[in-house]
């Protein structure tokens, strides 16, 4: 893992050096990389930060209640615990899974911004077999009634 970290760091340094020299287009590339990585860091922090690293998948991941636009923009990945517990369920069927298992979820938060503030302020961070009672994606012939690992 250490060599991978060094490789990423060297790649960033090389890209920064190329941008400083002024090769055409690299400054926009660096700006796009910084903005997209910042957005992704904020997004990924909300899914697992402050949760235990051991236990069932529902204990280790968080679901977020968000607006319809954010759900659409992130392809329903705000239903992150459901996505991890049943990865074969298509993204557009995750809301149906959520409706079936909401009572079993250990960590549900409201809004990415609000949770980010809790993570920054380090406040209020938040077994068994769970089967989906109904197929969340009726158009699919697959069965999603498998046990959690």
Protein backbone atom coordinates (compact mmCIF):
# COMPACT_ATOMS: atom_id res chain seq x y z
CA UNK A 1 0.00 0.00 0.00
CA UNK A 2 2.87 2.37 0.72
CA UNK A 3 4.18 2.16 -2.86
CA UNK A 4 0.71 2.97 -4.19
CA UNK A 5 0.53 6.07 -2.00
CA UNK A 6 3.95 7.17 -3.21
CA UNK A 7 2.92 6.59 -6.83
CA UNK A 8 -0.20 8.74 -6.40
CA UNK A 9 1.82 11.48 -4.67
CA UNK A 10 4.43 11.43 -7.44
CA UNK A 11 1.70 11.59 -10.09
CA UNK A 12 0.20 14.68 -8.44
CA UNK A 13 3.62 16.30 -8.16
CA UNK A 14 4.34 15.58 -11.82
CA UNK A 15 0.99 17.00 -12.90
CA UNK A 16 1.59 20.09 -10.77
CA UNK A 17 5.06 20.54 -12.27
CA UNK A 18 3.71 20.21 -15.81
CA UNK A 19 0.99 22.77 -14.99
CA UNK A 20 3.58 25.19 -13.57
CA UNK A 21 5.67 24.95 -16.74
CA UNK A 22 2.60 26.08 -18.61
CA UNK A 23 1.88 23.24 -20.99
CA UNK A 24 -1.40 24.10 -22.64
CA UNK A 25 -4.51 22.70 -20.91
CA UNK A 26 -2.83 21.30 -17.81
CA UNK A 27 -3.97 24.11 -15.52
CA UNK A 28 -7.60 23.31 -16.33
CA UNK A 29 -6.86 19.64 -15.73
CA UNK A 30 -5.37 20.40 -12.31
CA UNK A 31 -8.33 22.62 -11.40
CA UNK A 32 -10.82 19.93 -12.48
CA UNK A 33 -8.93 17.28 -10.50
CA UNK A 34 -8.88 19.41 -7.35
CA UNK A 35 -12.58 20.24 -7.59
CA UNK A 36 -13.70 16.69 -8.36
CA UNK A 37 -11.52 15.15 -5.65
CA UNK A 38 -12.81 17.67 -3.11
CA UNK A 39 -16.41 16.82 -3.97
CA UNK A 40 -15.68 13.10 -3.83
CA UNK A 41 -13.94 13.40 -0.44
CA UNK A 42 -16.98 15.19 1.01
CA UNK A 43 -19.28 12.56 -0.46
CA UNK A 44 -17.28 9.52 0.69
CA UNK A 45 -16.77 10.89 4.20
CA UNK A 46 -20.50 10.82 4.83
CA UNK A 47 -20.87 7.14 3.93
CA UNK A 48 -18.54 5.58 6.50
CA UNK A 49 -16.88 8.20 8.71
CA UNK A 50 -17.44 7.71 12.43
CA UNK A 51 -18.86 4.21 12.04
CA UNK A 52 -17.37 0.96 13.37
CA UNK A 53 -14.98 -0.96 11.14
CA UNK A 54 -16.34 -4.30 12.34
CA UNK A 55 -19.84 -5.75 12.45
CA UNK A 56 -22.52 -6.28 9.84
CA UNK A 57 -22.59 -4.19 6.71
CA UNK A 58 -25.58 -2.27 8.07
CA UNK A 59 -23.55 -1.33 11.16
CA UNK A 60 -20.60 -0.13 9.06
CA UNK A 61 -22.41 2.02 6.51
CA UNK A 62 -24.80 4.94 6.60
CA UNK A 63 -27.90 5.90 4.61
CA UNK A 64 -28.67 9.56 4.02
CA UNK A 65 -32.05 11.18 3.48
CA UNK A 66 -31.60 13.76 0.72
CA UNK A 67 -33.53 15.74 -1.86
CA UNK A 68 -34.82 14.19 -5.07
CA UNK A 69 -32.19 16.07 -7.07
CA UNK A 70 -29.30 14.73 -4.96
CA UNK A 71 -30.71 11.19 -5.14
CA UNK A 72 -30.87 11.51 -8.94
CA UNK A 73 -27.43 13.15 -9.21
CA UNK A 74 -25.76 10.42 -7.12
CA UNK A 75 -27.75 7.55 -8.66
CA UNK A 76 -29.41 6.77 -5.31
CA UNK A 77 -26.06 6.13 -3.64
CA UNK A 78 -27.40 8.00 -0.62
CA UNK A 79 -28.96 4.58 0.11
CA UNK A 80 -25.45 3.44 0.82
CA UNK A 81 -26.11 0.77 3.44
CA UNK A 82 -28.67 -0.81 1.15
CA UNK A 83 -26.23 -0.63 -1.77
CA UNK A 84 -23.55 -2.48 0.22
CA UNK A 85 -25.91 -5.07 1.68
CA UNK A 86 -27.51 -5.90 -1.68
CA UNK A 87 -24.98 -4.86 -4.36
CA UNK A 88 -26.80 -6.71 -7.16
CA UNK A 89 -29.87 -4.47 -6.84
CA UNK A 90 -29.87 -1.87 -9.65
CA UNK A 91 -29.47 1.75 -8.55
CA UNK A 92 -33.00 2.70 -9.54
CA UNK A 93 -34.45 0.03 -7.21
CA UNK A 94 -32.56 1.12 -4.07
CA UNK A 95 -35.46 3.30 -2.79
CA UNK A 96 -37.67 0.17 -2.76
CA UNK A 97 -35.02 -1.71 -0.77
CA UNK A 98 -34.81 1.22 1.65
CA UNK A 99 -38.57 1.13 2.28
CA UNK A 100 -38.30 -2.56 3.20
CA UNK A 101 -35.28 -2.36 5.52
CA UNK A 102 -35.44 1.14 7.04
CA UNK A 103 -36.33 -0.35 10.43
CA UNK A 104 -33.12 -2.41 10.43
CA UNK A 105 -30.74 0.40 9.53
CA UNK A 106 -28.39 1.43 12.33
CA UNK A 107 -27.27 4.74 10.82
CA UNK A 108 -29.60 7.09 8.97
CA UNK A 109 -28.73 10.79 8.67
CA UNK A 110 -30.36 13.77 7.00
CA UNK A 111 -28.45 15.69 4.35
CA UNK A 112 -24.84 15.59 3.22
CA UNK A 113 -24.09 19.13 4.44
CA UNK A 114 -25.55 18.60 7.91
CA UNK A 115 -23.66 15.33 8.34
CA UNK A 116 -20.43 16.96 7.12
CA UNK A 117 -20.75 19.55 9.88
CA UNK A 118 -21.25 16.79 12.45
CA UNK A 119 -18.16 15.00 11.15
CA UNK A 120 -16.12 18.21 11.28
CA UNK A 121 -17.33 19.01 14.79
CA UNK A 122 -17.04 15.32 15.81
CA UNK A 123 -20.56 15.35 17.21
CA UNK A 124 -23.15 12.62 17.27
CA UNK A 125 -21.47 10.31 14.81
CA UNK A 126 -23.30 7.77 14.49
CA UNK A 127 -26.77 -8.83 13.29
CA UNK A 128 -28.84 -11.07 12.24
CA UNK A 129 -30.36 -12.05 8.92
CA UNK A 130 -32.35 -9.52 6.94
CA UNK A 131 -34.26 -10.68 3.92
CA UNK A 132 -36.04 -8.47 1.47
CA UNK A 133 -39.72 -9.39 1.66
CA UNK A 134 -40.46 -8.26 -1.88
CA UNK A 135 -38.43 -8.01 -5.03
CA UNK A 136 -37.43 -4.30 -5.13
CA UNK A 137 -37.05 -4.38 -8.89
CA UNK A 138 -40.09 -6.14 -10.37
CA UNK A 139 -38.81 -5.77 -13.95
CA UNK A 140 -35.79 -7.88 -13.08
CA UNK A 141 -35.91 -11.66 -13.01
CA UNK A 142 -33.14 -11.80 -10.39
CA UNK A 143 -33.87 -12.62 -6.78
CA UNK A 144 -32.52 -10.31 -4.10
CA UNK A 145 -33.59 -12.34 -1.10
CA UNK A 146 -30.13 -13.44 -0.05
CA UNK A 147 -28.73 -13.37 3.47
CA UNK A 148 -26.22 -10.79 4.59
CA UNK A 149 -22.69 -12.11 4.97
